Amino acid sequence: MKHLQEKLAELSLVVKPDLIIMDARKVFVTGGPAKGTLREPNLILASGDQVAIDVEGVKILQSYLGNSLEGRNVWSLRQIKHSIEPGLGPCNDNEYEVRIS
């Protein structure tokens, strides 16, 4: 599907969930979504902000050597940038908070 990343961001303009749960117990750091190099961060993320949780998800992937997003600035990724443009979430790390429990 063409421009899937942009379309996912635009969906957030119509549907704004109060709570987003990201299952990061097992993740593909290359390939995906069905196969690739598997790692096990063993994390569950929750947020009311789609952009913030996507950014943190990317940072988790980037924490593993050999990941497919290595060296990329998370804020410059197409889906993140496209979500920020209409004001759907934070624009940088200073605009949201991560709490660990």
PDB file of N, CA and C in Angstrom:
ATOM      1  N   MET A   1       0.849  -1.177   0.000  1.00  0.00           N
ATOM      2  CA  MET A   1       0.000   0.000   0.000  1.00  0.00           C
ATOM      3  C   MET A   1       0.896   1.241   0.000  1.00  0.00           C
ATOM      4  N   LYS A   2       0.647   2.152  -0.928  1.00  0.00           N
ATOM      5  CA  LYS A   2       1.448   3.361  -1.030  1.00  0.00           C
ATOM      6  C   LYS A   2       1.176   4.309   0.128  1.00  0.00           C
ATOM      7  N   HIS A   3       2.244   4.889   0.631  1.00  0.00           N
ATOM      8  CA  HIS A   3       2.161   5.921   1.667  1.00  0.00           C
ATOM      9  C   HIS A   3       1.470   5.435   2.942  1.00  0.00           C
ATOM     10  N   LEU A   4       1.670   4.178   3.295  1.00  0.00           N
ATOM     11  CA  LEU A   4       1.026   3.612   4.483  1.00  0.00           C
ATOM     12  C   LEU A   4       1.384   4.392   5.742  1.00  0.00           C
ATOM     13  N   GLN A   5       2.643   4.771   5.891  1.00  0.00           N
ATOM     14  CA  GLN A   5       3.048   5.483   7.098  1.00  0.00           C
ATOM     15  C   GLN A   5       2.305   6.807   7.251  1.00  0.00           C
ATOM     16  N   GLU A   6       2.142   7.536   6.148  1.00  0.00           N
ATOM     17  CA  GLU A   6       1.408   8.797   6.206  1.00  0.00           C
ATOM     18  C   GLU A   6      -0.066   8.559   6.506  1.00  0.00           C
ATOM     19  N   LYS A   7      -0.637   7.514   5.926  1.00  0.00           N
ATOM     20  CA  LYS A   7      -2.046   7.222   6.137  1.00  0.00           C
ATOM     21  C   LYS A   7      -2.318   6.839   7.590  1.00  0.00           C
ATOM     22  N   LEU A   8      -1.390   6.115   8.195  1.00  0.00           N
ATOM     23  CA  LEU A   8      -1.555   5.766   9.609  1.00  0.00           C
ATOM     24  C   LEU A   8      -1.565   7.020  10.472  1.00  0.00           C
ATOM     25  N   ALA A   9      -0.682   7.955  10.153  1.00  0.00           N
ATOM     26  CA  ALA A   9      -0.646   9.208  10.899  1.00  0.00           C
ATOM     27  C   ALA A   9      -1.948   9.979  10.716  1.00  0.00           C
ATOM     28  N   GLU A  10      -2.462  10.026   9.483  1.00  0.00           N
ATOM     29  CA  GLU A  10      -3.696  10.753   9.213  1.00  0.00           C
ATOM     30  C   GLU A  10      -4.907  10.128   9.896  1.00  0.00           C
ATOM     31  N   LEU A  11      -4.875   8.822  10.106  1.00  0.00           N
ATOM     32  CA  LEU A  11      -5.958   8.155  10.820  1.00  0.00           C
ATOM     33  C   LEU A  11      -6.115   8.738  12.222  1.00  0.00           C
ATOM     34  N   SER A  12      -5.008   9.155  12.806  1.00  0.00           N
ATOM     35  CA  SER A  12      -5.048   9.738  14.147  1.00  0.00           C
ATOM     36  C   SER A  12      -5.776  11.076  14.183  1.00  0.00           C
ATOM     37  N   LEU A  13      -5.967  11.710  13.040  1.00  0.00           N
ATOM     38  CA  LEU A  13      -6.749  12.940  12.996  1.00  0.00           C
ATOM     39  C   LEU A  13      -8.233  12.657  13.202  1.00  0.00           C
ATOM     40  N   VAL A  14      -8.666  11.441  12.859  1.00  0.00           N
ATOM     41  CA  VAL A  14     -10.075  11.064  12.942  1.00  0.00           C
ATOM     42  C   VAL A  14     -10.354  10.288  14.219  1.00  0.00           C
ATOM     43  N   VAL A  15      -9.493   9.323  14.528  1.00  0.00           N
ATOM     44  CA  VAL A  15      -9.672   8.456  15.687  1.00  0.00           C
ATOM     45  C   VAL A  15      -8.574   8.757  16.693  1.00  0.00           C
ATOM     46  N   LYS A  16      -8.961   9.317  17.839  1.00  0.00           N
ATOM     47  CA  LYS A  16      -7.979   9.647  18.871  1.00  0.00           C
ATOM     48  C   LYS A  16      -8.267   8.809  20.113  1.00  0.00           C
ATOM     49  N   PRO A  17      -7.587   7.678  20.239  1.00  0.00           N
ATOM     50  CA  PRO A  17      -7.818   6.845  21.420  1.00  0.00           C
ATOM     51  C   PRO A  17      -7.302   7.511  22.691  1.00  0.00           C
ATOM     52  N   ASP A  18      -7.922   7.191  23.809  1.00  0.00           N
ATOM     53  CA  ASP A  18      -7.482   7.706  25.098  1.00  0.00           C
ATOM     54  C   ASP A  18      -6.278   6.932  25.627  1.00  0.00           C
ATOM     55  N   LEU A  19      -6.167   5.671  25.193  1.00  0.00           N
ATOM     56  CA  LEU A  19      -5.085   4.823  25.685  1.00  0.00           C
ATOM     57  C   LEU A  19      -4.569   3.945  24.554  1.00  0.00           C
ATOM     58  N   ILE A  20      -3.269   3.938  24.377  1.00  0.00           N
ATOM     59  CA  ILE A  20      -2.609   3.095  23.379  1.00  0.00           C
ATOM     60  C   ILE A  20      -1.694   2.147  24.135  1.00  0.00           C
ATOM     61  N   ILE A  21      -1.803   0.868  23.850  1.00  0.00           N
ATOM     62  CA  ILE A  21      -0.957  -0.151  24.463  1.00  0.00           C
ATOM     63  C   ILE A  21      -0.042  -0.708  23.377  1.00  0.00           C
ATOM     64  N   MET A  22       1.255  -0.720  23.637  1.00  0.00           N
ATOM     65  CA  MET A  22       2.222  -1.287  22.703  1.00  0.00           C
ATOM     66  C   MET A  22       2.881  -2.494  23.370  1.00  0.00           C
ATOM     67  N   ASP A  23       2.734  -3.635  22.754  1.00  0.00           N
ATOM     68  CA  ASP A  23       3.337  -4.866  23.251  1.00  0.00           C
ATOM     69  C   ASP A  23       4.744  -4.986  22.670  1.00  0.00           C
ATOM     70  N   ALA A  24       5.726  -4.759  23.504  1.00  0.00           N
ATOM     71  CA  ALA A  24       7.126  -4.850  23.076  1.00  0.00           C
ATOM     72  C   ALA A  24       7.835  -5.962  23.846  1.00  0.00           C
ATOM     73  N   ARG A  25       7.077  -7.017  24.156  1.00  0.00           N
ATOM     74  CA  ARG A  25       7.733  -8.155  24.803  1.00  0.00           C
ATOM     75  C   ARG A  25       8.686  -8.816  23.834  1.00  0.00           C
ATOM     76  N   LYS A  26       8.273  -8.922  22.565  1.00  0.00           N
ATOM     77  CA  LYS A  26       9.120  -9.438  21.494  1.00  0.00           C
ATOM     78  C   LYS A  26       8.995  -8.475  20.323  1.00  0.00           C
ATOM     79  N   VAL A  27      10.119  -8.145  19.683  1.00  0.00           N
ATOM     80  CA  VAL A  27      10.102  -7.206  18.561  1.00  0.00           C
ATOM     81  C   VAL A  27      11.048  -7.688  17.466  1.00  0.00           C
ATOM     82  N   PHE A  28      10.743  -7.300  16.243  1.00  0.00           N
ATOM     83  CA  PHE A  28      11.667  -7.516  15.135  1.00  0.00           C
ATOM     84  C   PHE A  28      12.484  -6.249  14.970  1.00  0.00           C
ATOM     85  N   VAL A  29      13.804  -6.363  15.088  1.00  0.00           N
ATOM     86  CA  VAL A  29      14.668  -5.191  14.922  1.00  0.00           C
ATOM     87  C   VAL A  29      15.124  -5.038  13.476  1.00  0.00           C
ATOM     88  N   THR A  30      14.910  -6.056  12.663  1.00  0.00           N
ATOM     89  CA  THR A  30      15.077  -5.978  11.213  1.00  0.00           C
ATOM     90  C   THR A  30      13.898  -6.722  10.606  1.00  0.00           C
ATOM     91  N   GLY A  31      13.600  -6.404   9.366  1.00  0.00           N
ATOM     92  CA  GLY A  31      12.482  -7.081   8.725  1.00  0.00           C
ATOM     93  C   GLY A  31      11.169  -6.633   9.324  1.00  0.00           C
ATOM     94  N   GLY A  32      10.318  -7.607   9.622  1.00  0.00           N
ATOM     95  CA  GLY A  32       9.013  -7.315  10.181  1.00  0.00           C
ATOM     96  C   GLY A  32       8.031  -6.964   9.090  1.00  0.00           C
ATOM     97  N   PRO A  33       6.769  -6.960   9.305  1.00  0.00           N
ATOM     98  CA  PRO A  33       6.170  -7.225  10.600  1.00  0.00           C
ATOM     99  C   PRO A  33       5.997  -8.703  10.947  1.00  0.00           C
ATOM    100  N   ALA A  34       6.205  -9.609   9.973  1.00  0.00           N
ATOM    101  CA  ALA A  34       5.958 -11.024  10.244  1.00  0.00           C
ATOM    102  C   ALA A  34       7.218 -11.838  10.499  1.00  0.00           C
ATOM    103  N   LYS A  35       8.368 -11.394   9.993  1.00  0.00           N
ATOM    104  CA  LYS A  35       9.601 -12.136  10.226  1.00  0.00           C
ATOM    105  C   LYS A  35      10.775 -11.172  10.183  1.00  0.00           C
ATOM    106  N   GLY A  36      11.856 -11.579  10.807  1.00  0.00           N
ATOM    107  CA  GLY A  36      13.054 -10.748  10.863  1.00  0.00           C
ATOM    108  C   GLY A  36      13.916 -11.183  12.029  1.00  0.00           C
ATOM    109  N   THR A  37      14.788 -10.291  12.461  1.00  0.00           N
ATOM    110  CA  THR A  37      15.649 -10.562  13.611  1.00  0.00           C
ATOM    111  C   THR A  37      14.876 -10.245  14.878  1.00  0.00           C
ATOM    112  N   LEU A  38      14.621 -11.264  15.684  1.00  0.00           N
ATOM    113  CA  LEU A  38      13.786 -11.133  16.870  1.00  0.00           C
ATOM    114  C   LEU A  38      14.625 -10.812  18.101  1.00  0.00           C
ATOM    115  N   ARG A  39      14.144  -9.884  18.899  1.00  0.00           N
ATOM    116  CA  ARG A  39      14.726  -9.559  20.204  1.00  0.00           C
ATOM    117  C   ARG A  39      13.593  -9.515  21.218  1.00  0.00           C
ATOM    118  N   GLU A  40      13.954  -9.587  22.505  1.00  0.00           N
ATOM    119  CA  GLU A  40      12.932  -9.628  23.555  1.00  0.00           C
ATOM    120  C   GLU A  40      13.169  -8.551  24.609  1.00  0.00           C
ATOM    121  N   PRO A  41      12.707  -7.316  24.354  1.00  0.00           N
ATOM    122  CA  PRO A  41      12.823  -6.268  25.373  1.00  0.00           C
ATOM    123  C   PRO A  41      11.979  -6.553  26.609  1.00  0.00           C
ATOM    124  N   ASN A  42      10.927  -7.362  26.423  1.00  0.00           N
ATOM    125  CA  ASN A  42      10.021  -7.726  27.516  1.00  0.00           C
ATOM    126  C   ASN A  42       9.386  -6.484  28.157  1.00  0.00           C
ATOM    127  N   LEU A  43       8.852  -5.601  27.306  1.00  0.00           N
ATOM    128  CA  LEU A  43       8.233  -4.363  27.772  1.00  0.00           C
ATOM    129  C   LEU A  43       6.801  -4.249  27.264  1.00  0.00           C
ATOM    130  N   ILE A  44       5.982  -3.575  28.053  1.00  0.00           N
ATOM    131  CA  ILE A  44       4.646  -3.162  27.634  1.00  0.00           C
ATOM    132  C   ILE A  44       4.621  -1.643  27.824  1.00  0.00           C
ATOM    133  N   LEU A  45       4.268  -0.906  26.774  1.00  0.00           N
ATOM    134  CA  LEU A  45       4.202   0.542  26.850  1.00  0.00           C
ATOM    135  C   LEU A  45       2.749   0.977  26.806  1.00  0.00           C
ATOM    136  N   ALA A  46       2.432   2.050  27.514  1.00  0.00           N
ATOM    137  CA  ALA A  46       1.078   2.606  27.501  1.00  0.00           C
ATOM    138  C   ALA A  46       1.177   4.121  27.434  1.00  0.00           C
ATOM    139  N   SER A  47       0.290   4.726  26.646  1.00  0.00           N
ATOM    140  CA  SER A  47       0.310   6.174  26.499  1.00  0.00           C
ATOM    141  C   SER A  47      -1.026   6.653  25.958  1.00  0.00           C
ATOM    142  N   GLY A  48      -1.295   7.908  26.173  1.00  0.00           N
ATOM    143  CA  GLY A  48      -2.437   8.557  25.553  1.00  0.00           C
ATOM    144  C   GLY A  48      -2.005   9.344  24.327  1.00  0.00           C
ATOM    145  N   ASP A  49      -0.716   9.269  23.996  1.00  0.00           N
ATOM    146  CA  ASP A  49      -0.164  10.039  22.875  1.00  0.00           C
ATOM    147  C   ASP A  49       0.477   9.094  21.867  1.00  0.00           C
ATOM    148  N   GLN A  50      -0.132   9.003  20.686  1.00  0.00           N
ATOM    149  CA  GLN A  50       0.355   8.082  19.650  1.00  0.00           C
ATOM    150  C   GLN A  50       1.774   8.407  19.197  1.00  0.00           C
ATOM    151  N   VAL A  51       2.093   9.675  19.050  1.00  0.00           N
ATOM    152  CA  VAL A  51       3.432  10.062  18.590  1.00  0.00           C
ATOM    153  C   VAL A  51       4.474   9.677  19.639  1.00  0.00           C
ATOM    154  N   ALA A  52       4.224   9.998  20.892  1.00  0.00           N
ATOM    155  CA  ALA A  52       5.183   9.694  21.949  1.00  0.00           C
ATOM    156  C   ALA A  52       5.443   8.189  22.059  1.00  0.00           C
ATOM    157  N   ILE A  53       4.392   7.386  21.968  1.00  0.00           N
ATOM    158  CA  ILE A  53       4.589   5.939  22.088  1.00  0.00           C
ATOM    159  C   ILE A  53       5.303   5.383  20.855  1.00  0.00           C
ATOM    160  N   ASP A  54       5.040   5.936  19.677  1.00  0.00           N
ATOM    161  CA  ASP A  54       5.764   5.511  18.481  1.00  0.00           C
ATOM    162  C   ASP A  54       7.242   5.860  18.598  1.00  0.00           C
ATOM    163  N   VAL A  55       7.542   7.055  19.095  1.00  0.00           N
ATOM    164  CA  VAL A  55       8.935   7.473  19.276  1.00  0.00           C
ATOM    165  C   VAL A  55       9.647   6.527  20.236  1.00  0.00           C
ATOM    166  N   GLU A  56       9.010   6.208  21.338  1.00  0.00           N
ATOM    167  CA  GLU A  56       9.642   5.306  22.310  1.00  0.00           C
ATOM    168  C   GLU A  56       9.797   3.899  21.734  1.00  0.00           C
ATOM    169  N   GLY A  57       8.826   3.454  20.940  1.00  0.00           N
ATOM    170  CA  GLY A  57       8.944   2.155  20.278  1.00  0.00           C
ATOM    171  C   GLY A  57      10.151   2.108  19.353  1.00  0.00           C
ATOM    172  N   VAL A  58      10.352   3.173  18.577  1.00  0.00           N
ATOM    173  CA  VAL A  58      11.517   3.245  17.694  1.00  0.00           C
ATOM    174  C   VAL A  58      12.801   3.247  18.511  1.00  0.00           C
ATOM    175  N   LYS A  59      12.824   3.976  19.603  1.00  0.00           N
ATOM    176  CA  LYS A  59      14.026   4.025  20.448  1.00  0.00           C
ATOM    177  C   LYS A  59      14.361   2.645  21.013  1.00  0.00           C
ATOM    178  N   ILE A  60      13.332   1.858  21.328  1.00  0.00           N
ATOM    179  CA  ILE A  60      13.574   0.489  21.806  1.00  0.00           C
ATOM    180  C   ILE A  60      14.241  -0.321  20.699  1.00  0.00           C
ATOM    181  N   LEU A  61      13.695  -0.238  19.478  1.00  0.00           N
ATOM    182  CA  LEU A  61      14.304  -0.954  18.347  1.00  0.00           C
ATOM    183  C   LEU A  61      15.743  -0.499  18.134  1.00  0.00           C
ATOM    184  N   GLN A  62      15.978   0.799  18.219  1.00  0.00           N
ATOM    185  CA  GLN A  62      17.309   1.350  17.980  1.00  0.00           C
ATOM    186  C   GLN A  62      18.316   0.969  19.063  1.00  0.00           C
ATOM    187  N   SER A  63      17.843   0.492  20.189  1.00  0.00           N
ATOM    188  CA  SER A  63      18.766   0.117  21.272  1.00  0.00           C
ATOM    189  C   SER A  63      19.472  -1.214  21.000  1.00  0.00           C
ATOM    190  N   TYR A  64      19.062  -1.924  19.962  1.00  0.00           N
ATOM    191  CA  TYR A  64      19.667  -3.203  19.606  1.00  0.00           C
ATOM    192  C   TYR A  64      20.618  -3.036  18.425  1.00  0.00           C
ATOM    193  N   LEU A  65      21.806  -3.606  18.544  1.00  0.00           N
ATOM    194  CA  LEU A  65      22.789  -3.554  17.465  1.00  0.00           C
ATOM    195  C   LEU A  65      22.234  -4.189  16.198  1.00  0.00           C
ATOM    196  N   GLY A  66      22.561  -3.610  15.066  1.00  0.00           N
ATOM    197  CA  GLY A  66      22.137  -4.163  13.783  1.00  0.00           C
ATOM    198  C   GLY A  66      20.694  -3.893  13.417  1.00  0.00           C
ATOM    199  N   ASN A  67      20.031  -2.993  14.147  1.00  0.00           N
ATOM    200  CA  ASN A  67      18.635  -2.701  13.843  1.00  0.00           C
ATOM    201  C   ASN A  67      18.529  -1.965  12.514  1.00  0.00           C
ATOM    202  N   SER A  68      17.364  -2.050  11.879  1.00  0.00           N
ATOM    203  CA  SER A  68      17.171  -1.457  10.553  1.00  0.00           C
ATOM    204  C   SER A  68      17.030   0.067  10.599  1.00  0.00           C
ATOM    205  N   LEU A  69      16.932   0.659  11.784  1.00  0.00           N
ATOM    206  CA  LEU A  69      16.810   2.115  11.920  1.00  0.00           C
ATOM    207  C   LEU A  69      18.063   2.739  12.530  1.00  0.00           C
ATOM    208  N   GLU A  70      19.124   1.996  12.552  1.00  0.00           N
ATOM    209  CA  GLU A  70      20.373   2.445  13.168  1.00  0.00           C
ATOM    210  C   GLU A  70      20.847   3.768  12.561  1.00  0.00           C
ATOM    211  N   GLY A  71      21.196   4.697  13.444  1.00  0.00           N
ATOM    212  CA  GLY A  71      21.725   5.978  13.008  1.00  0.00           C
ATOM    213  C   GLY A  71      20.690   6.989  12.535  1.00  0.00           C
ATOM    214  N   ARG A  72      19.423   6.594  12.519  1.00  0.00           N
ATOM    215  CA  ARG A  72      18.366   7.511  12.052  1.00  0.00           C
ATOM    216  C   ARG A  72      17.838   8.332  13.225  1.00  0.00           C
ATOM    217  N   ASN A  73      17.594   9.600  12.984  1.00  0.00           N
ATOM    218  CA  ASN A  73      16.972  10.457  13.985  1.00  0.00           C
ATOM    219  C   ASN A  73      15.480  10.121  14.017  1.00  0.00           C
ATOM    220  N   VAL A  74      15.004   9.676  15.160  1.00  0.00           N
ATOM    221  CA  VAL A  74      13.609   9.237  15.280  1.00  0.00           C
ATOM    222  C   VAL A  74      12.633  10.342  14.861  1.00  0.00           C
ATOM    223  N   TRP A  75      12.972  11.589  15.131  1.00  0.00           N
ATOM    224  CA  TRP A  75      12.081  12.705  14.815  1.00  0.00           C
ATOM    225  C   TRP A  75      12.045  13.008  13.319  1.00  0.00           C
ATOM    226  N   SER A  76      12.971  12.437  12.557  1.00  0.00           N
ATOM    227  CA  SER A  76      12.975  12.671  11.113  1.00  0.00           C
ATOM    228  C   SER A  76      12.339  11.519  10.326  1.00  0.00           C
ATOM    229  N   LEU A  77      11.894  10.474  11.009  1.00  0.00           N
ATOM    230  CA  LEU A  77      11.233   9.356  10.332  1.00  0.00           C
ATOM    231  C   LEU A  77       9.894   9.821   9.750  1.00  0.00           C
ATOM    232  N   ARG A  78       9.577   9.320   8.570  1.00  0.00           N
ATOM    233  CA  ARG A  78       8.409   9.792   7.814  1.00  0.00           C
ATOM    234  C   ARG A  78       7.116   9.783   8.634  1.00  0.00           C
ATOM    235  N   GLN A  79       6.812   8.675   9.289  1.00  0.00           N
ATOM    236  CA  GLN A  79       5.547   8.596  10.034  1.00  0.00           C
ATOM    237  C   GLN A  79       5.524   9.590  11.191  1.00  0.00           C
ATOM    238  N   ILE A  80       6.641   9.735  11.877  1.00  0.00           N
ATOM    239  CA  ILE A  80       6.711  10.671  13.006  1.00  0.00           C
ATOM    240  C   ILE A  80       6.559  12.107  12.487  1.00  0.00           C
ATOM    241  N   LYS A  81       7.327  12.464  11.466  1.00  0.00           N
ATOM    242  CA  LYS A  81       7.248  13.820  10.904  1.00  0.00           C
ATOM    243  C   LYS A  81       5.838  14.137  10.417  1.00  0.00           C
ATOM    244  N   HIS A  82       5.226  13.178   9.753  1.00  0.00           N
ATOM    245  CA  HIS A  82       3.881  13.396   9.206  1.00  0.00           C
ATOM    246  C   HIS A  82       2.852  13.554  10.331  1.00  0.00           C
ATOM    247  N   SER A  83       3.090  12.944  11.472  1.00  0.00           N
ATOM    248  CA  SER A  83       2.180  13.080  12.616  1.00  0.00           C
ATOM    249  C   SER A  83       2.360  14.415  13.314  1.00  0.00           C
ATOM    250  N   ILE A  84       3.578  14.911  13.333  1.00  0.00           N
ATOM    251  CA  ILE A  84       3.874  16.176  14.007  1.00  0.00           C
ATOM    252  C   ILE A  84       3.296  17.362  13.240  1.00  0.00           C
ATOM    253  N   GLU A  85       3.331  17.305  11.914  1.00  0.00           N
ATOM    254  CA  GLU A  85       2.896  18.440  11.090  1.00  0.00           C
ATOM    255  C   GLU A  85       1.505  18.960  11.449  1.00  0.00           C
ATOM    256  N   PRO A  86       0.485  18.097  11.625  1.00  0.00           N
ATOM    257  CA  PRO A  86      -0.835  18.626  12.005  1.00  0.00           C
ATOM    258  C   PRO A  86      -1.003  18.793  13.523  1.00  0.00           C
ATOM    259  N   GLY A  87       0.079  18.632  14.286  1.00  0.00           N
ATOM    260  CA  GLY A  87       0.015  18.840  15.730  1.00  0.00           C
ATOM    261  C   GLY A  87      -0.526  17.670  16.516  1.00  0.00           C
ATOM    262  N   LEU A  88      -0.277  16.447  16.058  1.00  0.00           N
ATOM    263  CA  LEU A  88      -0.818  15.267  16.739  1.00  0.00           C
ATOM    264  C   LEU A  88      -0.040  14.861  17.991  1.00  0.00           C
ATOM    265  N   GLY A  89       1.134  15.408  18.177  1.00  0.00           N
ATOM    266  CA  GLY A  89       1.903  14.994  19.343  1.00  0.00           C
ATOM    267  C   GLY A  89       3.126  15.854  19.540  1.00  0.00           C
ATOM    268  N   PRO A  90       4.018  15.408  20.414  1.00  0.00           N
ATOM    269  CA  PRO A  90       5.217  16.189  20.715  1.00  0.00           C
ATOM    270  C   PRO A  90       6.140  16.308  19.501  1.00  0.00           C
ATOM    271  N   CYS A  91       6.969  17.357  19.509  1.00  0.00           N
ATOM    272  CA  CYS A  91       7.908  17.615  18.410  1.00  0.00           C
ATOM    273  C   CYS A  91       9.339  17.233  18.760  1.00  0.00           C
ATOM    274  N   ASN A  92       9.584  16.947  20.040  1.00  0.00           N
ATOM    275  CA  ASN A  92      10.930  16.570  20.475  1.00  0.00           C
ATOM    276  C   ASN A  92      10.854  15.871  21.830  1.00  0.00           C
ATOM    277  N   ASP A  93      11.982  15.371  22.283  1.00  0.00           N
ATOM    278  CA  ASP A  93      12.032  14.612  23.542  1.00  0.00           C
ATOM    279  C   ASP A  93      11.615  15.426  24.763  1.00  0.00           C
ATOM    280  N   ASN A  94      11.753  16.729  24.707  1.00  0.00           N
ATOM    281  CA  ASN A  94      11.428  17.573  25.848  1.00  0.00           C
ATOM    282  C   ASN A  94       9.927  17.810  26.023  1.00  0.00           C
ATOM    283  N   GLU A  95       9.134  17.406  25.057  1.00  0.00           N
ATOM    284  CA  GLU A  95       7.699  17.689  25.100  1.00  0.00           C
ATOM    285  C   GLU A  95       6.845  16.542  25.623  1.00  0.00           C
ATOM    286  N   TYR A  96       7.489  15.502  26.121  1.00  0.00           N
ATOM    287  CA  TYR A  96       6.732  14.412  26.752  1.00  0.00           C
ATOM    288  C   TYR A  96       7.602  13.764  27.824  1.00  0.00           C
ATOM    289  N   GLU A  97       6.957  12.995  28.664  1.00  0.00           N
ATOM    290  CA  GLU A  97       7.641  12.385  29.802  1.00  0.00           C
ATOM    291  C   GLU A  97       7.489  10.864  29.745  1.00  0.00           C
ATOM    292  N   VAL A  98       8.547  10.166  30.091  1.00  0.00           N
ATOM    293  CA  VAL A  98       8.512   8.702  30.174  1.00  0.00           C
ATOM    294  C   VAL A  98       8.567   8.334  31.643  1.00  0.00           C
ATOM    295  N   ARG A  99       7.612   7.519  32.069  1.00  0.00           N
ATOM    296  CA  ARG A  99       7.603   7.010  33.448  1.00  0.00           C
ATOM    297  C   ARG A  99       7.719   5.510  33.404  1.00  0.00           C
ATOM    298  N   ILE A 100       8.555   4.982  34.246  1.00  0.00           N
ATOM    299  CA  ILE A 100       8.776   3.530  34.306  1.00  0.00           C
ATOM    300  C   ILE A 100       8.163   3.007  35.592  1.00  0.00           C
ATOM    301  N   SER A 101       7.357   1.963  35.436  1.00  0.00           N
ATOM    302  CA  SER A 101       6.768   1.347  36.648  1.00  0.00           C
ATOM    303  C   SER A 101       6.703  -0.142  36.486  1.00  0.00           C
TER     304      SER A 101
END
